[in-house]
Amino acid sequence: MIYPSIDKILNVIDSKYVLVHIVSKRAREMIETNHTQLKEYRSIKEIGKALEEVSEGLIHVKEY
């Protein structure tokens, strides 16, 4: 089972495409800078960590 739930995350960000873009960008940023926003993550990989940050509300999407 995936943590966090995709259904829960889609309540925060309404588009799967925007979610993929934001999570991949944040995961790349974590790899390059080794900067994280949470002290502990359930996920080992950066993609999972980025999804956790989105579900916690630490990453916001600007709408134009």
N, C-alpha and C. Protein backbone atom coordinates (compact mmCIF):
# COMPACT_ATOMS: atom_id res chain seq x y z
N MET A 1 0.84 -1.18 0.00
CA MET A 1 0.00 0.00 0.00
C MET A 1 0.88 1.24 0.00
N ILE A 2 0.48 2.22 -0.75
CA ILE A 2 1.25 3.46 -0.88
C ILE A 2 0.91 4.40 0.26
N TYR A 3 1.95 4.97 0.85
CA TYR A 3 1.74 6.00 1.86
C TYR A 3 2.40 7.26 1.37
N PRO A 4 1.79 8.35 1.42
CA PRO A 4 0.40 8.62 1.77
C PRO A 4 -0.52 8.25 0.63
N SER A 5 -1.79 8.13 0.94
CA SER A 5 -2.79 7.74 -0.04
C SER A 5 -2.93 8.80 -1.14
N ILE A 6 -2.99 8.34 -2.36
CA ILE A 6 -3.14 9.25 -3.49
C ILE A 6 -4.47 10.01 -3.40
N ASP A 7 -5.50 9.34 -2.90
CA ASP A 7 -6.80 10.01 -2.75
C ASP A 7 -6.70 11.18 -1.78
N LYS A 8 -5.94 11.02 -0.71
CA LYS A 8 -5.77 12.10 0.26
C LYS A 8 -5.00 13.27 -0.36
N ILE A 9 -3.98 12.95 -1.15
CA ILE A 9 -3.16 13.99 -1.78
C ILE A 9 -3.97 14.75 -2.84
N LEU A 10 -4.85 14.04 -3.55
CA LEU A 10 -5.64 14.70 -4.58
C LEU A 10 -6.67 15.65 -3.99
N ASN A 11 -6.91 15.59 -2.68
CA ASN A 11 -7.73 16.61 -2.03
C ASN A 11 -6.94 17.90 -1.85
N VAL A 12 -5.62 17.79 -1.79
CA VAL A 12 -4.75 18.97 -1.65
C VAL A 12 -4.46 19.57 -3.02
N ILE A 13 -4.09 18.72 -3.98
CA ILE A 13 -3.79 19.13 -5.35
C ILE A 13 -4.77 18.40 -6.26
N ASP A 14 -5.56 19.16 -7.03
CA ASP A 14 -6.64 18.53 -7.77
C ASP A 14 -6.26 17.83 -9.06
N SER A 15 -5.07 17.99 -9.56
CA SER A 15 -4.68 17.39 -10.83
C SER A 15 -3.54 16.40 -10.63
N LYS A 16 -3.71 15.20 -11.20
CA LYS A 16 -2.65 14.20 -11.11
C LYS A 16 -1.40 14.67 -11.85
N TYR A 17 -1.59 15.40 -12.94
CA TYR A 17 -0.46 15.87 -13.73
C TYR A 17 0.36 16.91 -12.97
N VAL A 18 -0.32 17.81 -12.31
CA VAL A 18 0.38 18.81 -11.49
C VAL A 18 1.09 18.12 -10.34
N LEU A 19 0.44 17.13 -9.74
CA LEU A 19 1.05 16.38 -8.64
C LEU A 19 2.35 15.71 -9.08
N VAL A 20 2.33 15.06 -10.23
CA VAL A 20 3.53 14.40 -10.75
C VAL A 20 4.64 15.41 -10.98
N HIS A 21 4.30 16.55 -11.57
CA HIS A 21 5.29 17.58 -11.86
C HIS A 21 5.92 18.11 -10.57
N ILE A 22 5.10 18.43 -9.60
CA ILE A 22 5.60 19.01 -8.34
C ILE A 22 6.43 18.00 -7.56
N VAL A 23 5.95 16.77 -7.48
CA VAL A 23 6.66 15.75 -6.71
C VAL A 23 8.00 15.41 -7.36
N SER A 24 8.04 15.31 -8.68
CA SER A 24 9.31 15.00 -9.34
C SER A 24 10.30 16.15 -9.19
N LYS A 25 9.81 17.37 -9.26
CA LYS A 25 10.69 18.53 -9.09
C LYS A 25 11.24 18.58 -7.66
N ARG A 26 10.38 18.33 -6.68
CA ARG A 26 10.82 18.35 -5.28
C ARG A 26 11.78 17.21 -4.99
N ALA A 27 11.54 16.03 -5.56
CA ALA A 27 12.44 14.89 -5.35
C ALA A 27 13.82 15.19 -5.92
N ARG A 28 13.86 15.79 -7.11
CA ARG A 28 15.14 16.18 -7.71
C ARG A 28 15.87 17.19 -6.82
N GLU A 29 15.12 18.14 -6.27
CA GLU A 29 15.70 19.15 -5.39
C GLU A 29 16.28 18.51 -4.12
N MET A 30 15.58 17.52 -3.57
CA MET A 30 16.09 16.82 -2.38
C MET A 30 17.38 16.07 -2.68
N ILE A 31 17.46 15.47 -3.86
CA ILE A 31 18.68 14.73 -4.23
C ILE A 31 19.84 15.69 -4.39
N GLU A 32 19.62 16.83 -5.05
CA GLU A 32 20.70 17.77 -5.32
C GLU A 32 21.17 18.51 -4.07
N THR A 33 20.25 18.90 -3.20
CA THR A 33 20.61 19.75 -2.06
C THR A 33 20.64 19.01 -0.72
N ASN A 34 20.06 17.82 -0.68
CA ASN A 34 19.96 17.04 0.56
C ASN A 34 19.19 17.80 1.63
N HIS A 35 18.24 18.64 1.21
CA HIS A 35 17.42 19.43 2.13
C HIS A 35 16.05 18.77 2.26
N THR A 36 15.62 18.51 3.51
CA THR A 36 14.31 17.95 3.76
C THR A 36 13.56 18.85 4.73
N GLN A 37 12.24 18.75 4.71
CA GLN A 37 11.42 19.61 5.55
C GLN A 37 10.89 18.91 6.80
N LEU A 38 10.81 17.59 6.77
CA LEU A 38 10.35 16.83 7.92
C LEU A 38 11.53 16.17 8.61
N LYS A 39 11.39 15.91 9.89
CA LYS A 39 12.47 15.23 10.62
C LYS A 39 12.50 13.74 10.31
N GLU A 40 11.32 13.12 10.23
CA GLU A 40 11.24 11.69 9.95
C GLU A 40 10.26 11.43 8.82
N TYR A 41 10.64 10.51 7.96
CA TYR A 41 9.80 10.10 6.84
C TYR A 41 9.52 8.61 6.95
N ARG A 42 8.36 8.19 6.47
CA ARG A 42 8.07 6.76 6.38
C ARG A 42 8.70 6.17 5.13
N SER A 43 8.86 6.98 4.11
CA SER A 43 9.42 6.52 2.83
C SER A 43 10.93 6.60 2.85
N ILE A 44 11.54 5.75 2.07
CA ILE A 44 13.00 5.74 1.95
C ILE A 44 13.43 6.58 0.75
N LYS A 45 12.68 6.47 -0.34
CA LYS A 45 13.04 7.17 -1.58
C LYS A 45 12.51 8.60 -1.58
N GLU A 46 13.16 9.43 -2.39
CA GLU A 46 12.81 10.85 -2.44
C GLU A 46 11.41 11.11 -2.97
N ILE A 47 10.95 10.29 -3.91
CA ILE A 47 9.60 10.46 -4.44
C ILE A 47 8.58 10.31 -3.31
N GLY A 48 8.75 9.29 -2.51
CA GLY A 48 7.84 9.08 -1.37
C GLY A 48 7.93 10.19 -0.35
N LYS A 49 9.15 10.68 -0.12
CA LYS A 49 9.33 11.79 0.82
C LYS A 49 8.63 13.05 0.31
N ALA A 50 8.73 13.31 -0.99
CA ALA A 50 8.06 14.47 -1.57
C ALA A 50 6.54 14.33 -1.46
N LEU A 51 6.02 13.13 -1.66
CA LEU A 51 4.59 12.90 -1.51
C LEU A 51 4.15 13.14 -0.07
N GLU A 52 4.98 12.74 0.89
CA GLU A 52 4.66 12.99 2.29
C GLU A 52 4.62 14.49 2.59
N GLU A 53 5.56 15.24 2.01
CA GLU A 53 5.58 16.69 2.21
C GLU A 53 4.32 17.34 1.64
N VAL A 54 3.87 16.87 0.48
CA VAL A 54 2.65 17.41 -0.12
C VAL A 54 1.44 17.09 0.77
N SER A 55 1.37 15.86 1.27
CA SER A 55 0.21 15.50 2.10
C SER A 55 0.20 16.24 3.43
N GLU A 56 1.37 16.63 3.94
CA GLU A 56 1.45 17.40 5.18
C GLU A 56 1.19 18.88 4.96
N GLY A 57 1.09 19.30 3.72
CA GLY A 57 0.82 20.71 3.41
C GLY A 57 2.06 21.58 3.41
N LEU A 58 3.23 20.98 3.28
CA LEU A 58 4.47 21.75 3.27
C LEU A 58 4.82 22.30 1.90
N ILE A 59 4.18 21.76 0.87
CA ILE A 59 4.42 22.23 -0.50
C ILE A 59 3.08 22.76 -1.02
N HIS A 60 3.11 24.00 -1.50
CA HIS A 60 1.90 24.65 -1.99
C HIS A 60 2.02 24.91 -3.49
N VAL A 61 0.89 24.89 -4.16
CA VAL A 61 0.86 25.12 -5.60
C VAL A 61 0.26 26.50 -5.85
N LYS A 62 0.98 27.31 -6.63
CA LYS A 62 0.46 28.61 -7.02
C LYS A 62 -0.38 28.42 -8.29
N GLU A 63 -1.58 28.95 -8.27
CA GLU A 63 -2.44 28.87 -9.44
C GLU A 63 -2.42 30.21 -10.14
N TYR A 64 -2.32 30.18 -11.44
CA TYR A 64 -2.26 31.41 -12.23
C TYR A 64 -3.57 31.70 -12.89
